[in-house]
Full PDB file with SEQRES, HELIX, SHEET, SSBOND, CRYST1, ORIGX, SCALE, CONECT and MASTER records, all heavy atoms in Angstrom:
SEQRES   1 A   30  HIS ASN TRP LEU GLU LEU ARG THR PHE MET TRP ASP TYR          
SEQRES   2 A   30  VAL GLY ILE VAL ARG THR THR LYS ARG LEU GLU ARG ALA          
SEQRES   3 A   30  GLN HIS ARG VAL                                              
HELIX    1 AA1 ASN A    2  TYR A   13  1                                  12    
HELIX    2 AA2 THR A   20  ARG A   29  1                                  10    
CRYST1    1.000    1.000    1.000  90.00  90.00  90.00 P 1           1          
ORIGX1      1.000000  0.000000  0.000000        0.00000                         
ORIGX2      0.000000  1.000000  0.000000        0.00000                         
ORIGX3      0.000000  0.000000  1.000000        0.00000                         
SCALE1      1.000000  0.000000  0.000000        0.00000                         
SCALE2      0.000000  1.000000  0.000000        0.00000                         
SCALE3      0.000000  0.000000  1.000000        0.00000                         
ATOM      1  N   HIS A   1    -154.432 142.201-109.077  1.00  0.00           N  
ATOM      2  CA  HIS A   1    -153.592 143.392-108.933  1.00  0.00           C  
ATOM      3  C   HIS A   1    -154.119 144.301-107.827  1.00  0.00           C  
ATOM      4  O   HIS A   1    -153.355 144.772-106.978  1.00  0.00           O  
ATOM      5  CB  HIS A   1    -153.547 144.178-110.259  1.00  0.00           C  
ATOM      6  CG  HIS A   1    -152.808 145.471-110.152  1.00  0.00           C  
ATOM      7  ND1 HIS A   1    -151.445 145.563-110.278  1.00  0.00           N  
ATOM      8  CD2 HIS A   1    -153.244 146.738-109.897  1.00  0.00           C  
ATOM      9  CE1 HIS A   1    -151.067 146.822-110.108  1.00  0.00           C  
ATOM     10  NE2 HIS A   1    -152.141 147.548-109.888  1.00  0.00           N  
ATOM     11  N   ASN A   2    -155.428 144.545-107.816  1.00  0.00           N  
ATOM     12  CA  ASN A   2    -156.007 145.421-106.798  1.00  0.00           C  
ATOM     13  C   ASN A   2    -155.909 144.812-105.402  1.00  0.00           C  
ATOM     14  O   ASN A   2    -155.735 145.526-104.409  1.00  0.00           O  
ATOM     15  CB  ASN A   2    -157.463 145.739-107.141  1.00  0.00           C  
ATOM     16  CG  ASN A   2    -157.588 146.718-108.286  1.00  0.00           C  
ATOM     17  OD1 ASN A   2    -156.589 147.266-108.760  1.00  0.00           O  
ATOM     18  ND2 ASN A   2    -158.799 146.947-108.759  1.00  0.00           N  
ATOM     19  N   TRP A   3    -156.047 143.497-105.323  1.00  0.00           N  
ATOM     20  CA  TRP A   3    -155.910 142.776-104.043  1.00  0.00           C  
ATOM     21  C   TRP A   3    -154.513 143.039-103.468  1.00  0.00           C  
ATOM     22  O   TRP A   3    -154.363 143.409-102.302  1.00  0.00           O  
ATOM     23  CB  TRP A   3    -156.127 141.285-104.297  1.00  0.00           C  
ATOM     24  CG  TRP A   3    -156.012 140.396-103.102  1.00  0.00           C  
ATOM     25  CD1 TRP A   3    -154.862 139.997-102.482  1.00  0.00           C  
ATOM     26  CD2 TRP A   3    -157.079 139.772-102.383  1.00  0.00           C  
ATOM     27  NE1 TRP A   3    -155.142 139.170-101.435  1.00  0.00           N  
ATOM     28  CE2 TRP A   3    -156.484 139.016-101.356  1.00  0.00           C  
ATOM     29  CE3 TRP A   3    -158.462 139.771-102.525  1.00  0.00           C  
ATOM     30  CZ2 TRP A   3    -157.243 138.262-100.443  1.00  0.00           C  
ATOM     31  CZ3 TRP A   3    -159.222 139.017-101.624  1.00  0.00           C  
ATOM     32  CH2 TRP A   3    -158.620 138.281-100.609  1.00  0.00           C  
ATOM     33  N   LEU A   4    -153.468 142.875-104.293  1.00  0.00           N  
ATOM     34  CA  LEU A   4    -152.097 143.074-103.829  1.00  0.00           C  
ATOM     35  C   LEU A   4    -151.831 144.536-103.488  1.00  0.00           C  
ATOM     36  O   LEU A   4    -151.192 144.845-102.471  1.00  0.00           O  
ATOM     37  CB  LEU A   4    -151.108 142.592-104.894  1.00  0.00           C  
ATOM     38  CG  LEU A   4    -149.624 142.734-104.542  1.00  0.00           C  
ATOM     39  CD1 LEU A   4    -149.292 141.930-103.294  1.00  0.00           C  
ATOM     40  CD2 LEU A   4    -148.753 142.288-105.717  1.00  0.00           C  
ATOM     41  N   GLU A   5    -152.331 145.448-104.321  1.00  0.00           N  
ATOM     42  CA  GLU A   5    -152.114 146.872-104.080  1.00  0.00           C  
ATOM     43  C   GLU A   5    -152.744 147.307-102.755  1.00  0.00           C  
ATOM     44  O   GLU A   5    -152.122 148.024-101.950  1.00  0.00           O  
ATOM     45  CB  GLU A   5    -152.692 147.705-105.224  1.00  0.00           C  
ATOM     46  CG  GLU A   5    -152.466 149.203-105.063  1.00  0.00           C  
ATOM     47  CD  GLU A   5    -153.067 150.029-106.182  1.00  0.00           C  
ATOM     48  OE1 GLU A   5    -153.459 149.461-107.221  1.00  0.00           O  
ATOM     49  OE2 GLU A   5    -153.161 151.264-106.000  1.00  0.00           O  
ATOM     50  N   LEU A   6    -153.975 146.870-102.508  1.00  0.00           N  
ATOM     51  CA  LEU A   6    -154.676 147.237-101.284  1.00  0.00           C  
ATOM     52  C   LEU A   6    -153.921 146.751-100.056  1.00  0.00           C  
ATOM     53  O   LEU A   6    -153.661 147.521 -99.110  1.00  0.00           O  
ATOM     54  CB  LEU A   6    -156.092 146.647-101.301  1.00  0.00           C  
ATOM     55  CG  LEU A   6    -156.931 146.825-100.033  1.00  0.00           C  
ATOM     56  CD1 LEU A   6    -157.267 148.294 -99.819  1.00  0.00           C  
ATOM     57  CD2 LEU A   6    -158.207 145.988-100.102  1.00  0.00           C  
ATOM     58  N   ARG A   7    -153.545 145.502-100.042  1.00  0.00           N  
ATOM     59  CA  ARG A   7    -152.894 144.918 -98.872  1.00  0.00           C  
ATOM     60  C   ARG A   7    -151.502 145.506 -98.650  1.00  0.00           C  
ATOM     61  O   ARG A   7    -151.049 145.630 -97.504  1.00  0.00           O  
ATOM     62  CB  ARG A   7    -152.831 143.399 -99.027  1.00  0.00           C  
ATOM     63  CG  ARG A   7    -154.211 142.745 -99.096  1.00  0.00           C  
ATOM     64  CD  ARG A   7    -154.115 141.268 -99.412  1.00  0.00           C  
ATOM     65  NE  ARG A   7    -153.609 140.533 -98.270  1.00  0.00           N  
ATOM     66  CZ  ARG A   7    -152.855 139.441 -98.366  1.00  0.00           C  
ATOM     67  NH1 ARG A   7    -152.526 138.985 -99.567  1.00  0.00           N  
ATOM     68  NH2 ARG A   7    -152.445 138.811 -97.294  1.00  0.00           N  
ATOM     69  N   THR A   8    -150.834 145.897 -99.735  1.00  0.00           N  
ATOM     70  CA  THR A   8    -149.494 146.468 -99.600  1.00  0.00           C  
ATOM     71  C   THR A   8    -149.532 147.858 -98.994  1.00  0.00           C  
ATOM     72  O   THR A   8    -148.786 148.160 -98.052  1.00  0.00           O  
ATOM     73  CB  THR A   8    -148.799 146.509-100.979  1.00  0.00           C  
ATOM     74  OG1 THR A   8    -148.691 145.176-101.498  1.00  0.00           O  
ATOM     75  CG2 THR A   8    -147.394 147.103-100.851  1.00  0.00           C  
ATOM     76  N   PHE A   9    -150.408 148.736 -99.507  1.00  0.00           N  
ATOM     77  CA  PHE A   9    -150.401 150.086 -98.938  1.00  0.00           C  
ATOM     78  C   PHE A   9    -151.029 150.124 -97.543  1.00  0.00           C  
ATOM     79  O   PHE A   9    -150.694 150.986 -96.726  1.00  0.00           O  
ATOM     80  CB  PHE A   9    -151.003 151.145 -99.877  1.00  0.00           C  
ATOM     81  CG  PHE A   9    -152.488 151.129-100.090  1.00  0.00           C  
ATOM     82  CD1 PHE A   9    -153.386 151.400 -99.077  1.00  0.00           C  
ATOM     83  CD2 PHE A   9    -153.009 150.892-101.364  1.00  0.00           C  
ATOM     84  CE1 PHE A   9    -154.758 151.410 -99.289  1.00  0.00           C  
ATOM     85  CE2 PHE A   9    -154.374 150.904-101.587  1.00  0.00           C  
ATOM     86  CZ  PHE A   9    -155.246 151.167-100.544  1.00  0.00           C  
ATOM     87  N   MET A  10    -151.919 149.183 -97.245  1.00  0.00           N  
ATOM     88  CA  MET A  10    -152.426 149.120 -95.870  1.00  0.00           C  
ATOM     89  C   MET A  10    -151.305 148.720 -94.910  1.00  0.00           C  
ATOM     90  O   MET A  10    -151.209 149.253 -93.789  1.00  0.00           O  
ATOM     91  CB  MET A  10    -153.595 148.136 -95.776  1.00  0.00           C  
ATOM     92  CG  MET A  10    -154.891 148.650 -96.380  1.00  0.00           C  
ATOM     93  SD  MET A  10    -155.578 150.098 -95.518  1.00  0.00           S  
ATOM     94  CE  MET A  10    -156.104 149.342 -93.963  1.00  0.00           C  
ATOM     95  N   TRP A  11    -150.442 147.806 -95.324  1.00  0.00           N  
ATOM     96  CA  TRP A  11    -149.307 147.396 -94.488  1.00  0.00           C  
ATOM     97  C   TRP A  11    -148.328 148.555 -94.309  1.00  0.00           C  
ATOM     98  O   TRP A  11    -147.843 148.823 -93.211  1.00  0.00           O  
ATOM     99  CB  TRP A  11    -148.609 146.193 -95.107  1.00  0.00           C  
ATOM    100  CG  TRP A  11    -147.432 145.720 -94.301  1.00  0.00           C  
ATOM    101  CD1 TRP A  11    -146.117 146.020 -94.495  1.00  0.00           C  
ATOM    102  CD2 TRP A  11    -147.480 144.877 -93.148  1.00  0.00           C  
ATOM    103  NE1 TRP A  11    -145.341 145.423 -93.531  1.00  0.00           N  
ATOM    104  CE2 TRP A  11    -146.145 144.708 -92.702  1.00  0.00           C  
ATOM    105  CE3 TRP A  11    -148.514 144.240 -92.457  1.00  0.00           C  
ATOM    106  CZ2 TRP A  11    -145.824 143.936 -91.582  1.00  0.00           C  
ATOM    107  CZ3 TRP A  11    -148.181 143.470 -91.346  1.00  0.00           C  
ATOM    108  CH2 TRP A  11    -146.860 143.327 -90.925  1.00  0.00           C  
ATOM    109  N   ASP A  12    -148.051 149.277 -95.399  1.00  0.00           N  
ATOM    110  CA  ASP A  12    -147.065 150.350 -95.370  1.00  0.00           C  
ATOM    111  C   ASP A  12    -147.564 151.590 -94.633  1.00  0.00           C  
ATOM    112  O   ASP A  12    -146.794 152.256 -93.933  1.00  0.00           O  
ATOM    113  CB  ASP A  12    -146.663 150.746 -96.797  1.00  0.00           C  
ATOM    114  CG  ASP A  12    -145.844 149.668 -97.493  1.00  0.00           C  
ATOM    115  OD1 ASP A  12    -145.267 148.817 -96.791  1.00  0.00           O  
ATOM    116  OD2 ASP A  12    -145.789 149.680 -98.737  1.00  0.00           O  
ATOM    117  N   TYR A  13    -148.851 151.929 -94.772  1.00  0.00           N  
ATOM    118  CA  TYR A  13    -149.360 153.208 -94.284  1.00  0.00           C  
ATOM    119  C   TYR A  13    -150.270 153.108 -93.061  1.00  0.00           C  
ATOM    120  O   TYR A  13    -150.495 154.102 -92.375  1.00  0.00           O  
ATOM    121  CB  TYR A  13    -150.129 153.929 -95.402  1.00  0.00           C  
ATOM    122  CG  TYR A  13    -149.300 154.279 -96.619  1.00  0.00           C  
ATOM    123  CD1 TYR A  13    -149.887 154.349 -97.878  1.00  0.00           C  
ATOM    124  CD2 TYR A  13    -147.938 154.545 -96.525  1.00  0.00           C  
ATOM    125  CE1 TYR A  13    -149.138 154.676 -99.012  1.00  0.00           C  
ATOM    126  CE2 TYR A  13    -147.174 154.863 -97.642  1.00  0.00           C  
ATOM    127  CZ  TYR A  13    -147.788 154.925 -98.877  1.00  0.00           C  
ATOM    128  OH  TYR A  13    -147.041 155.244 -99.979  1.00  0.00           O  
ATOM    129  N   VAL A  14    -150.839 151.944 -92.805  1.00  0.00           N  
ATOM    130  CA  VAL A  14    -151.841 151.817 -91.729  1.00  0.00           C  
ATOM    131  C   VAL A  14    -151.457 150.658 -90.814  1.00  0.00           C  
ATOM    132  O   VAL A  14    -152.302 149.896 -90.365  1.00  0.00           O  
ATOM    133  CB  VAL A  14    -153.257 151.625 -92.313  1.00  0.00           C  
ATOM    134  CG1 VAL A  14    -154.329 151.977 -91.262  1.00  0.00           C  
ATOM    135  CG2 VAL A  14    -153.485 152.462 -93.554  1.00  0.00           C  
ATOM    136  N   GLY A  15    -150.152 150.513 -90.568  1.00  0.00           N  
ATOM    137  CA  GLY A  15    -149.651 149.379 -89.818  1.00  0.00           C  
ATOM    138  C   GLY A  15    -149.514 149.632 -88.331  1.00  0.00           C  
ATOM    139  O   GLY A  15    -150.348 150.304 -87.705  1.00  0.00           O  
ATOM    140  N   ILE A  16    -148.420 149.146 -87.751  1.00  0.00           N  
ATOM    141  CA  ILE A  16    -148.221 149.188 -86.303  1.00  0.00           C  
ATOM    142  C   ILE A  16    -147.986 150.611 -85.816  1.00  0.00           C  
ATOM    143  O   ILE A  16    -148.490 151.018 -84.771  1.00  0.00           O  
ATOM    144  CB  ILE A  16    -147.044 148.265 -85.913  1.00  0.00           C  
ATOM    145  CG1 ILE A  16    -147.394 146.803 -86.253  1.00  0.00           C  
ATOM    146  CG2 ILE A  16    -146.711 148.389 -84.435  1.00  0.00           C  
ATOM    147  CD1 ILE A  16    -146.240 145.839 -86.097  1.00  0.00           C  
ATOM    148  N   VAL A  17    -147.213 151.397 -86.576  1.00  0.00           N  
ATOM    149  CA  VAL A  17    -146.947 152.804 -86.263  1.00  0.00           C  
ATOM    150  C   VAL A  17    -147.487 153.660 -87.402  1.00  0.00           C  
ATOM    151  O   VAL A  17    -147.163 153.431 -88.569  1.00  0.00           O  
ATOM    152  CB  VAL A  17    -145.451 153.060 -86.051  1.00  0.00           C  
ATOM    153  CG1 VAL A  17    -145.184 154.538 -85.784  1.00  0.00           C  
ATOM    154  CG2 VAL A  17    -144.918 152.217 -84.892  1.00  0.00           C  
ATOM    155  N   ARG A  18    -148.300 154.664 -87.075  1.00  0.00           N  
ATOM    156  CA  ARG A  18    -149.014 155.445 -88.090  1.00  0.00           C  
ATOM    157  C   ARG A  18    -148.668 156.927 -87.998  1.00  0.00           C  
ATOM    158  O   ARG A  18    -148.187 157.405 -86.977  1.00  0.00           O  
ATOM    159  CB  ARG A  18    -150.538 155.254 -87.921  1.00  0.00           C  
ATOM    160  CG  ARG A  18    -150.983 153.809 -88.062  1.00  0.00           C  
ATOM    161  CD  ARG A  18    -152.364 153.546 -87.503  1.00  0.00           C  
ATOM    162  NE  ARG A  18    -152.773 152.163 -87.722  1.00  0.00           N  
ATOM    163  CZ  ARG A  18    -153.870 151.611 -87.217  1.00  0.00           C  
ATOM    164  NH1 ARG A  18    -154.696 152.325 -86.451  1.00  0.00           N  
ATOM    165  NH2 ARG A  18    -154.153 150.351 -87.477  1.00  0.00           N  
ATOM    166  N   THR A  19    -148.930 157.645 -89.084  1.00  0.00           N  
ATOM    167  CA  THR A  19    -148.885 159.109 -89.085  1.00  0.00           C  
ATOM    168  C   THR A  19    -150.089 159.604 -89.877  1.00  0.00           C  
ATOM    169  O   THR A  19    -150.662 158.857 -90.691  1.00  0.00           O  
ATOM    170  CB  THR A  19    -147.606 159.657 -89.749  1.00  0.00           C  
ATOM    171  OG1 THR A  19    -147.636 159.367 -91.152  1.00  0.00           O  
ATOM    172  CG2 THR A  19    -146.345 159.068 -89.126  1.00  0.00           C  
ATOM    173  N   THR A  20    -150.440 160.870 -89.667  1.00  0.00           N  
ATOM    174  CA  THR A  20    -151.575 161.429 -90.398  1.00  0.00           C  
ATOM    175  C   THR A  20    -151.309 161.431 -91.895  1.00  0.00           C  
ATOM    176  O   THR A  20    -152.204 161.113 -92.693  1.00  0.00           O  
ATOM    177  CB  THR A  20    -151.862 162.858 -89.905  1.00  0.00           C  
ATOM    178  OG1 THR A  20    -152.170 162.808 -88.507  1.00  0.00           O  
ATOM    179  CG2 THR A  20    -153.031 163.475 -90.654  1.00  0.00           C  
ATOM    180  N   LYS A  21    -150.102 161.754 -92.293  1.00  0.00           N  
ATOM    181  CA  LYS A  21    -149.770 161.794 -93.713  1.00  0.00           C  
ATOM    182  C   LYS A  21    -149.906 160.415 -94.351  1.00  0.00           C  
ATOM    183  O   LYS A  21    -150.454 160.273 -95.444  1.00  0.00           O  
ATOM    184  CB  LYS A  21    -148.351 162.334 -93.918  1.00  0.00           C  
ATOM    185  CG  LYS A  21    -147.961 162.512 -95.384  1.00  0.00           C  
ATOM    186  CD  LYS A  21    -146.625 163.209 -95.537  1.00  0.00           C  
ATOM    187  CE  LYS A  21    -146.746 164.673 -95.183  1.00  0.00           C  
ATOM    188  NZ  LYS A  21    -145.482 165.417 -95.469  1.00  0.00           N  
ATOM    189  N   ARG A  22    -149.420 159.388 -93.652  1.00  0.00           N  
ATOM    190  CA  ARG A  22    -149.558 158.024 -94.182  1.00  0.00           C  
ATOM    191  C   ARG A  22    -151.032 157.627 -94.303  1.00  0.00           C  
ATOM    192  O   ARG A  22    -151.441 157.004 -95.285  1.00  0.00           O  
ATOM    193  CB  ARG A  22    -148.829 157.026 -93.268  1.00  0.00           C  
ATOM    194  CG  ARG A  22    -147.322 157.138 -93.268  1.00  0.00           C  
ATOM    195  CD  ARG A  22    -146.741 156.164 -92.251  1.00  0.00           C  
ATOM    196  NE  ARG A  22    -145.328 156.422 -91.995  1.00  0.00           N  
ATOM    197  CZ  ARG A  22    -144.644 155.868 -90.998  1.00  0.00           C  
ATOM    198  NH1 ARG A  22    -145.255 155.034 -90.156  1.00  0.00           N  
ATOM    199  NH2 ARG A  22    -143.368 156.154 -90.832  1.00  0.00           N  
ATOM    200  N   LEU A  23    -151.809 157.972 -93.288  1.00  0.00           N  
ATOM    201  CA  LEU A  23    -153.228 157.629 -93.320  1.00  0.00           C  
ATOM    202  C   LEU A  23    -153.949 158.352 -94.453  1.00  0.00           C  
ATOM    203  O   LEU A  23    -154.820 157.769 -95.117  1.00  0.00           O  
ATOM    204  CB  LEU A  23    -153.882 157.973 -91.984  1.00  0.00           C  
ATOM    205  CG  LEU A  23    -153.454 157.118 -90.773  1.00  0.00           C  
ATOM    206  CD1 LEU A  23    -154.023 157.702 -89.487  1.00  0.00           C  
ATOM    207  CD2 LEU A  23    -153.882 155.666 -90.944  1.00  0.00           C  
ATOM    208  N   GLU A  24    -153.600 159.605 -94.705  1.00  0.00           N  
ATOM    209  CA  GLU A  24    -154.224 160.348 -95.803  1.00  0.00           C  
ATOM    210  C   GLU A  24    -153.844 159.756 -97.157  1.00  0.00           C  
ATOM    211  O   GLU A  24    -154.673 159.710 -98.082  1.00  0.00           O  
ATOM    212  CB  GLU A  24    -153.829 161.822 -95.717  1.00  0.00           C  
ATOM    213  CG  GLU A  24    -154.505 162.544 -94.550  1.00  0.00           C  
ATOM    214  CD  GLU A  24    -153.969 163.945 -94.352  1.00  0.00           C  
ATOM    215  OE1 GLU A  24    -152.892 164.278 -94.921  1.00  0.00           O  
ATOM    216  OE2 GLU A  24    -154.614 164.734 -93.616  1.00  0.00           O  
ATOM    217  N   ARG A  25    -152.602 159.306 -97.279  1.00  0.00           N  
ATOM    218  CA  ARG A  25    -152.200 158.626 -98.510  1.00  0.00           C  
ATOM    219  C   ARG A  25    -153.014 157.347 -98.704  1.00  0.00           C  
ATOM    220  O   ARG A  25    -153.475 157.051 -99.812  1.00  0.00           O  
ATOM    221  CB  ARG A  25    -150.708 158.287 -98.457  1.00  0.00           C  
ATOM    222  CG  ARG A  25    -149.789 159.489 -98.645  1.00  0.00           C  
ATOM    223  CD  ARG A  25    -148.346 159.095 -98.388  1.00  0.00           C  
ATOM    224  NE  ARG A  25    -147.432 160.211 -98.594  1.00  0.00           N  
ATOM    225  CZ  ARG A  25    -146.182 160.248 -98.166  1.00  0.00           C  
ATOM    226  NH1 ARG A  25    -145.695 159.227 -97.484  1.00  0.00           N  
ATOM    227  NH2 ARG A  25    -145.426 161.303 -98.405  1.00  0.00           N  
ATOM    228  N   ALA A  26    -153.176 156.607 -97.631  1.00  0.00           N  
ATOM    229  CA  ALA A  26    -153.967 155.374 -97.715  1.00  0.00           C  
ATOM    230  C   ALA A  26    -155.410 155.683 -98.072  1.00  0.00           C  
ATOM    231  O   ALA A  26    -156.025 154.984 -98.892  1.00  0.00           O  
ATOM    232  CB  ALA A  26    -153.897 154.621 -96.384  1.00  0.00           C  
ATOM    233  N   GLN A  27    -155.981 156.724 -97.474  1.00  0.00           N  
ATOM    234  CA  GLN A  27    -157.374 157.082 -97.754  1.00  0.00           C  
ATOM    235  C   GLN A  27    -157.571 157.403 -99.231  1.00  0.00           C  
ATOM    236  O   GLN A  27    -158.562 156.978 -99.843  1.00  0.00           O  
ATOM    237  CB  GLN A  27    -157.791 158.265 -96.888  1.00  0.00           C  
ATOM    238  CG  GLN A  27    -159.268 158.621 -97.008  1.00  0.00           C  
ATOM    239  CD  GLN A  27    -159.661 159.736 -96.058  1.00  0.00           C  
ATOM    240  OE1 GLN A  27    -158.954 160.742 -95.936  1.00  0.00           O  
ATOM    241  NE2 GLN A  27    -160.773 159.553 -95.356  1.00  0.00           N  
ATOM    242  N   HIS A  28    -156.643 158.141 -99.806  1.00  0.00           N  
ATOM    243  CA  HIS A  28    -156.735 158.489-101.227  1.00  0.00           C  
ATOM    244  C   HIS A  28    -156.719 157.229-102.096  1.00  0.00           C  
ATOM    245  O   HIS A  28    -157.533 157.097-103.030  1.00  0.00           O  
ATOM    246  CB  HIS A  28    -155.572 159.410-101.602  1.00  0.00           C  
ATOM    247  CG  HIS A  28    -155.521 159.768-103.054  1.00  0.00           C  
ATOM    248  ND1 HIS A  28    -156.500 160.527-103.681  1.00  0.00           N  
ATOM    249  CD2 HIS A  28    -154.608 159.458-104.026  1.00  0.00           C  
ATOM    250  CE1 HIS A  28    -156.198 160.681-104.963  1.00  0.00           C  
ATOM    251  NE2 HIS A  28    -155.058 160.045-105.186  1.00  0.00           N  
ATOM    252  N   ARG A  29    -155.858 156.304-101.772  1.00  0.00           N  
ATOM    253  CA  ARG A  29    -155.761 155.069-102.562  1.00  0.00           C  
ATOM    254  C   ARG A  29    -156.992 154.181-102.367  1.00  0.00           C  
ATOM    255  O   ARG A  29    -157.452 153.532-103.303  1.00  0.00           O  
ATOM    256  CB  ARG A  29    -154.470 154.331-102.207  1.00  0.00           C  
ATOM    257  CG  ARG A  29    -153.240 154.972-102.848  1.00  0.00           C  
ATOM    258  CD  ARG A  29    -151.943 154.590-102.129  1.00  0.00           C  
ATOM    259  NE  ARG A  29    -150.775 155.117-102.822  1.00  0.00           N  
ATOM    260  CZ  ARG A  29    -150.378 156.380-102.761  1.00  0.00           C  
ATOM    261  NH1 ARG A  29    -151.070 157.249-102.046  1.00  0.00           N  
ATOM    262  NH2 ARG A  29    -149.301 156.779-103.416  1.00  0.00           N  
ATOM    263  N   VAL A  30    -157.512 154.164-101.153  1.00  0.00           N  
ATOM    264  CA  VAL A  30    -158.730 153.387-100.891  1.00  0.00           C  
ATOM    265  C   VAL A  30    -159.885 153.916-101.738  1.00  0.00           C  
ATOM    266  O   VAL A  30    -160.650 153.143-102.335  1.00  0.00           O  
ATOM    267  CB  VAL A  30    -159.103 153.433 -99.389  1.00  0.00           C  
ATOM    268  CG1 VAL A  30    -160.525 152.937 -99.173  1.00  0.00           C  
ATOM    269  CG2 VAL A  30    -158.143 152.577 -98.574  1.00  0.00           C  
TER     270      VAL A  30                                                      
MASTER        0    0    0    2    0    0    0    6  269    1    0    3          
END                                                                             
């Protein structure tokens, strides 16, 4: 479950096009 969750939010929030808000969301989940 954690493997899938990590890879999914990294794709959604830290992908080809980024924003500060997306990166902060990813940081919290990490």
